[in-house]
Amino acid sequence: MIDMINAAGALSRLSGAGETDLAQAAAMPQMPAAQGAGSSNSFADVMASLGEGVVSNLRVAEENSLAAVRGEVPTRDVVDAIMAGEQSLQTAIAIRDKLVTAYLEIARMQI
């Protein structure tokens, strides 16, 4: 299931010669996952790094759950991992909803 989420994130890559740096234009704070020595801070890169973070959190939660079934991980660690994964997923869904709403508003604009 997590691989399907990861594959869906790969479909949302934006590219083009006229792409602007929307993250800086909107004065968004720098995300730790988006910062790096050679990384550009384009909107697509920020969204991709956030998506990778969500997938990573969900994968850790899934691995901890399976390890708990085998008796290798304490219950508290499993609950923490699941809560972090759930929070990441809810944040990603909220961002997706805001992006869809913004797209629909732009699509309704008269030219």
N, C-alpha and C. Protein backbone atom coordinates (compact mmCIF):
# COMPACT_ATOMS: atom_id res chain seq x y z
N MET A 1 0.82 -1.18 0.00
CA MET A 1 0.00 0.00 0.00
C MET A 1 0.87 1.26 0.00
N ILE A 2 1.94 1.25 0.75
CA ILE A 2 2.82 2.41 0.81
C ILE A 2 3.49 2.63 -0.55
N ASP A 3 3.80 1.56 -1.27
CA ASP A 3 4.40 1.71 -2.59
C ASP A 3 3.45 2.40 -3.56
N MET A 4 2.13 2.18 -3.41
CA MET A 4 1.17 2.86 -4.28
C MET A 4 1.16 4.35 -3.99
N ILE A 5 1.29 4.74 -2.72
CA ILE A 5 1.35 6.16 -2.36
C ILE A 5 2.61 6.78 -2.95
N ASN A 6 3.72 6.05 -2.87
CA ASN A 6 4.98 6.53 -3.42
C ASN A 6 4.88 6.69 -4.93
N ALA A 7 4.22 5.74 -5.61
CA ALA A 7 4.05 5.82 -7.06
C ALA A 7 3.17 6.99 -7.45
N ALA A 8 2.15 7.28 -6.64
CA ALA A 8 1.28 8.42 -6.92
C ALA A 8 2.06 9.72 -6.78
N GLY A 9 2.99 9.78 -5.84
CA GLY A 9 3.81 10.97 -5.67
C GLY A 9 4.73 11.20 -6.86
N ALA A 10 5.17 10.12 -7.50
CA ALA A 10 6.05 10.26 -8.65
C ALA A 10 5.30 10.85 -9.84
N LEU A 11 3.98 10.65 -9.91
CA LEU A 11 3.20 11.19 -11.01
C LEU A 11 3.02 12.69 -10.92
N SER A 12 3.20 13.25 -9.74
CA SER A 12 2.92 14.66 -9.55
C SER A 12 4.13 15.55 -9.77
N ARG A 13 5.17 15.05 -10.37
CA ARG A 13 6.36 15.88 -10.64
C ARG A 13 6.02 16.96 -11.65
N LEU A 14 6.41 18.20 -11.34
CA LEU A 14 6.20 19.32 -12.24
C LEU A 14 7.54 19.71 -12.84
N SER A 15 7.54 20.01 -14.12
CA SER A 15 8.78 20.47 -14.72
C SER A 15 8.45 21.41 -15.86
N GLY A 16 9.41 22.22 -16.22
CA GLY A 16 9.22 23.14 -17.32
C GLY A 16 10.27 24.22 -17.27
N ALA A 17 10.53 24.82 -18.43
CA ALA A 17 11.56 25.84 -18.51
C ALA A 17 11.16 27.11 -17.78
N GLY A 18 9.84 27.41 -17.72
CA GLY A 18 9.39 28.64 -17.10
C GLY A 18 9.00 28.48 -15.64
N GLU A 19 9.35 27.40 -15.03
CA GLU A 19 8.95 27.15 -13.64
C GLU A 19 9.66 28.14 -12.72
N THR A 20 8.89 28.75 -11.82
CA THR A 20 9.47 29.70 -10.88
C THR A 20 9.58 29.06 -9.52
N ASP A 21 10.32 29.68 -8.67
CA ASP A 21 10.50 29.17 -7.33
C ASP A 21 9.34 29.65 -6.46
N LEU A 22 8.26 28.86 -6.44
CA LEU A 22 7.04 29.27 -5.74
C LEU A 22 7.22 29.26 -4.23
N ALA A 23 8.07 28.40 -3.72
CA ALA A 23 8.26 28.33 -2.27
C ALA A 23 8.86 29.63 -1.74
N GLN A 24 9.82 30.18 -2.46
CA GLN A 24 10.42 31.43 -2.01
C GLN A 24 9.51 32.61 -2.30
N ALA A 25 8.78 32.56 -3.41
CA ALA A 25 7.88 33.66 -3.74
C ALA A 25 6.76 33.80 -2.72
N ALA A 26 6.32 32.68 -2.17
CA ALA A 26 5.26 32.71 -1.16
C ALA A 26 5.82 32.89 0.24
N ALA A 27 7.12 33.03 0.36
CA ALA A 27 7.81 33.21 1.64
C ALA A 27 7.52 32.07 2.61
N MET A 28 7.50 30.86 2.07
CA MET A 28 7.28 29.68 2.91
C MET A 28 8.56 29.38 3.68
N PRO A 29 8.45 28.90 4.90
CA PRO A 29 9.65 28.54 5.66
C PRO A 29 10.35 27.36 5.01
N GLN A 30 11.65 27.32 5.17
CA GLN A 30 12.43 26.23 4.60
C GLN A 30 12.19 24.96 5.38
N MET A 31 11.83 23.90 4.71
CA MET A 31 11.63 22.61 5.35
C MET A 31 12.98 21.90 5.45
N PRO A 32 13.27 21.22 6.56
CA PRO A 32 14.55 20.54 6.70
C PRO A 32 14.80 19.52 5.60
N ALA A 33 13.77 18.83 5.15
CA ALA A 33 13.95 17.83 4.11
C ALA A 33 14.25 18.46 2.76
N ALA A 34 13.83 19.71 2.57
CA ALA A 34 14.05 20.36 1.29
C ALA A 34 15.39 21.06 1.22
N GLN A 35 16.06 21.25 2.35
CA GLN A 35 17.33 21.94 2.35
C GLN A 35 18.44 20.97 1.99
N GLY A 36 19.41 21.45 1.30
CA GLY A 36 20.55 20.63 0.95
C GLY A 36 21.55 21.46 0.19
N ALA A 37 22.73 20.92 0.04
CA ALA A 37 23.79 21.67 -0.62
C ALA A 37 23.48 21.91 -2.09
N GLY A 38 22.98 20.88 -2.80
CA GLY A 38 22.76 21.01 -4.23
C GLY A 38 21.31 20.97 -4.61
N SER A 39 20.38 21.12 -3.68
CA SER A 39 18.98 21.01 -4.04
C SER A 39 18.39 22.38 -4.31
N SER A 40 17.56 22.44 -5.34
CA SER A 40 16.85 23.68 -5.60
C SER A 40 15.57 23.64 -4.77
N ASN A 41 15.04 24.79 -4.46
CA ASN A 41 13.86 24.87 -3.61
C ASN A 41 12.62 25.16 -4.44
N SER A 42 12.43 24.48 -5.56
CA SER A 42 11.25 24.69 -6.35
C SER A 42 10.06 24.05 -5.65
N PHE A 43 8.89 24.46 -6.06
CA PHE A 43 7.66 23.95 -5.46
C PHE A 43 7.58 22.44 -5.62
N ALA A 44 7.94 21.94 -6.78
CA ALA A 44 7.91 20.50 -7.03
C ALA A 44 8.87 19.75 -6.12
N ASP A 45 10.05 20.33 -5.88
CA ASP A 45 11.02 19.67 -5.00
C ASP A 45 10.54 19.64 -3.55
N VAL A 46 9.92 20.73 -3.11
CA VAL A 46 9.40 20.78 -1.74
C VAL A 46 8.29 19.75 -1.58
N MET A 47 7.38 19.70 -2.54
CA MET A 47 6.27 18.73 -2.47
C MET A 47 6.79 17.30 -2.53
N ALA A 48 7.80 17.06 -3.36
CA ALA A 48 8.38 15.72 -3.45
C ALA A 48 9.04 15.32 -2.14
N SER A 49 9.76 16.24 -1.52
CA SER A 49 10.42 15.90 -0.26
C SER A 49 9.40 15.67 0.86
N LEU A 50 8.32 16.45 0.86
CA LEU A 50 7.27 16.23 1.85
C LEU A 50 6.60 14.87 1.63
N GLY A 51 6.38 14.53 0.37
CA GLY A 51 5.79 13.22 0.06
C GLY A 51 6.69 12.07 0.47
N GLU A 52 7.99 12.25 0.26
CA GLU A 52 8.94 11.21 0.67
C GLU A 52 8.96 11.06 2.19
N GLY A 53 8.81 12.18 2.90
CA GLY A 53 8.77 12.13 4.36
C GLY A 53 7.53 11.39 4.86
N VAL A 54 6.39 11.61 4.21
CA VAL A 54 5.16 10.92 4.58
C VAL A 54 5.31 9.42 4.34
N VAL A 55 5.84 9.07 3.19
CA VAL A 55 6.02 7.65 2.87
C VAL A 55 6.99 7.01 3.85
N SER A 56 8.04 7.73 4.21
CA SER A 56 9.01 7.21 5.17
C SER A 56 8.36 6.97 6.54
N ASN A 57 7.56 7.94 7.01
CA ASN A 57 6.88 7.77 8.29
C ASN A 57 5.90 6.60 8.27
N LEU A 58 5.18 6.44 7.17
CA LEU A 58 4.24 5.33 7.06
C LEU A 58 4.97 3.99 7.00
N ARG A 59 6.11 3.98 6.32
CA ARG A 59 6.89 2.74 6.23
C ARG A 59 7.43 2.34 7.61
N VAL A 60 7.92 3.31 8.38
CA VAL A 60 8.42 3.04 9.73
C VAL A 60 7.30 2.51 10.61
N ALA A 61 6.11 3.11 10.51
CA ALA A 61 4.97 2.65 11.30
C ALA A 61 4.60 1.22 10.94
N GLU A 62 4.61 0.91 9.66
CA GLU A 62 4.28 -0.44 9.21
C GLU A 62 5.32 -1.45 9.69
N GLU A 63 6.61 -1.09 9.58
CA GLU A 63 7.67 -1.99 10.03
C GLU A 63 7.60 -2.22 11.54
N ASN A 64 7.32 -1.15 12.31
CA ASN A 64 7.20 -1.30 13.75
C ASN A 64 6.01 -2.17 14.13
N SER A 65 4.92 -2.03 13.40
CA SER A 65 3.74 -2.84 13.68
C SER A 65 4.04 -4.32 13.47
N LEU A 66 4.71 -4.63 12.37
CA LEU A 66 5.05 -6.03 12.10
C LEU A 66 6.06 -6.56 13.11
N ALA A 67 7.01 -5.71 13.51
CA ALA A 67 7.99 -6.12 14.51
C ALA A 67 7.32 -6.34 15.87
N ALA A 68 6.29 -5.56 16.18
CA ALA A 68 5.57 -5.73 17.44
C ALA A 68 4.82 -7.05 17.46
N VAL A 69 4.30 -7.45 16.32
CA VAL A 69 3.61 -8.75 16.23
C VAL A 69 4.58 -9.88 16.53
N ARG A 70 5.82 -9.71 16.10
CA ARG A 70 6.85 -10.72 16.37
C ARG A 70 7.42 -10.58 17.78
N GLY A 71 7.05 -9.51 18.50
CA GLY A 71 7.52 -9.31 19.87
C GLY A 71 8.88 -8.65 19.97
N GLU A 72 9.30 -7.95 18.93
CA GLU A 72 10.63 -7.34 18.90
C GLU A 72 10.64 -5.86 19.30
N VAL A 73 9.47 -5.22 19.28
CA VAL A 73 9.39 -3.78 19.55
C VAL A 73 8.36 -3.54 20.65
N PRO A 74 8.68 -2.66 21.60
CA PRO A 74 7.70 -2.34 22.66
C PRO A 74 6.47 -1.64 22.08
N THR A 75 5.36 -1.80 22.76
CA THR A 75 4.09 -1.24 22.30
C THR A 75 4.16 0.28 22.19
N ARG A 76 4.85 0.91 23.11
CA ARG A 76 4.94 2.37 23.11
C ARG A 76 5.59 2.89 21.83
N ASP A 77 6.63 2.21 21.36
CA ASP A 77 7.29 2.62 20.11
C ASP A 77 6.35 2.46 18.92
N VAL A 78 5.56 1.41 18.94
CA VAL A 78 4.61 1.17 17.85
C VAL A 78 3.56 2.28 17.83
N VAL A 79 3.04 2.63 18.99
CA VAL A 79 2.02 3.68 19.07
C VAL A 79 2.60 5.01 18.61
N ASP A 80 3.81 5.33 19.04
CA ASP A 80 4.46 6.58 18.60
C ASP A 80 4.64 6.62 17.09
N ALA A 81 5.09 5.51 16.51
CA ALA A 81 5.32 5.45 15.07
C ALA A 81 4.00 5.57 14.30
N ILE A 82 2.97 4.92 14.79
CA ILE A 82 1.67 4.98 14.11
C ILE A 82 1.09 6.39 14.20
N MET A 83 1.22 7.02 15.36
CA MET A 83 0.71 8.38 15.52
C MET A 83 1.46 9.36 14.61
N ALA A 84 2.77 9.20 14.50
CA ALA A 84 3.56 10.06 13.61
C ALA A 84 3.15 9.84 12.16
N GLY A 85 2.95 8.58 11.77
CA GLY A 85 2.52 8.28 10.42
C GLY A 85 1.14 8.83 10.12
N GLU A 86 0.23 8.72 11.08
CA GLU A 86 -1.11 9.24 10.90
C GLU A 86 -1.10 10.76 10.77
N GLN A 87 -0.30 11.43 11.59
CA GLN A 87 -0.21 12.88 11.52
C GLN A 87 0.38 13.32 10.18
N SER A 88 1.39 12.61 9.71
CA SER A 88 1.99 12.95 8.42
C SER A 88 0.98 12.77 7.29
N LEU A 89 0.22 11.69 7.35
CA LEU A 89 -0.77 11.43 6.31
C LEU A 89 -1.88 12.48 6.33
N GLN A 90 -2.34 12.87 7.50
CA GLN A 90 -3.37 13.90 7.60
C GLN A 90 -2.86 15.24 7.09
N THR A 91 -1.60 15.54 7.35
CA THR A 91 -1.02 16.78 6.83
C THR A 91 -0.94 16.74 5.31
N ALA A 92 -0.53 15.61 4.76
CA ALA A 92 -0.44 15.47 3.30
C ALA A 92 -1.82 15.60 2.66
N ILE A 93 -2.84 15.03 3.29
CA ILE A 93 -4.20 15.13 2.75
C ILE A 93 -4.69 16.58 2.80
N ALA A 94 -4.38 17.29 3.89
CA ALA A 94 -4.78 18.69 4.00
C ALA A 94 -4.10 19.54 2.94
N ILE A 95 -2.82 19.29 2.70
CA ILE A 95 -2.09 20.03 1.66
C ILE A 95 -2.68 19.73 0.29
N ARG A 96 -2.99 18.46 0.04
CA ARG A 96 -3.60 18.08 -1.24
C ARG A 96 -4.92 18.79 -1.44
N ASP A 97 -5.75 18.83 -0.39
CA ASP A 97 -7.04 19.50 -0.49
C ASP A 97 -6.89 20.98 -0.79
N LYS A 98 -5.92 21.63 -0.15
CA LYS A 98 -5.67 23.05 -0.41
C LYS A 98 -5.20 23.27 -1.85
N LEU A 99 -4.34 22.38 -2.35
CA LEU A 99 -3.87 22.51 -3.73
C LEU A 99 -5.01 22.33 -4.73
N VAL A 100 -5.87 21.37 -4.47
CA VAL A 100 -7.02 21.15 -5.37
C VAL A 100 -7.94 22.36 -5.35
N THR A 101 -8.20 22.90 -4.17
CA THR A 101 -9.05 24.08 -4.06
C THR A 101 -8.44 25.27 -4.81
N ALA A 102 -7.14 25.46 -4.66
CA ALA A 102 -6.46 26.56 -5.37
C ALA A 102 -6.53 26.35 -6.88
N TYR A 103 -6.34 25.12 -7.33
CA TYR A 103 -6.42 24.83 -8.76
C TYR A 103 -7.82 25.13 -9.29
N LEU A 104 -8.85 24.72 -8.55
CA LEU A 104 -10.22 24.95 -8.99
C LEU A 104 -10.54 26.45 -9.04
N GLU A 105 -10.01 27.22 -8.10
CA GLU A 105 -10.22 28.66 -8.14
C GLU A 105 -9.54 29.28 -9.35
N ILE A 106 -8.36 28.85 -9.66
CA ILE A 106 -7.64 29.36 -10.83
C ILE A 106 -8.37 28.96 -12.11
N ALA A 107 -8.90 27.73 -12.14
CA ALA A 107 -9.62 27.26 -13.33
C ALA A 107 -10.91 28.06 -13.55
N ARG A 108 -11.51 28.57 -12.49
CA ARG A 108 -12.76 29.34 -12.61
C ARG A 108 -12.51 30.79 -13.02
N MET A 109 -11.28 31.25 -12.95
CA MET A 109 -10.99 32.64 -13.32
C MET A 109 -11.30 32.89 -14.79
N GLN A 110 -11.85 34.05 -15.04
CA GLN A 110 -12.12 34.41 -16.43
C GLN A 110 -10.90 35.10 -17.01
N ILE A 111 -10.65 34.79 -18.24
CA ILE A 111 -9.46 35.35 -18.90
C ILE A 111 -9.84 36.60 -19.67
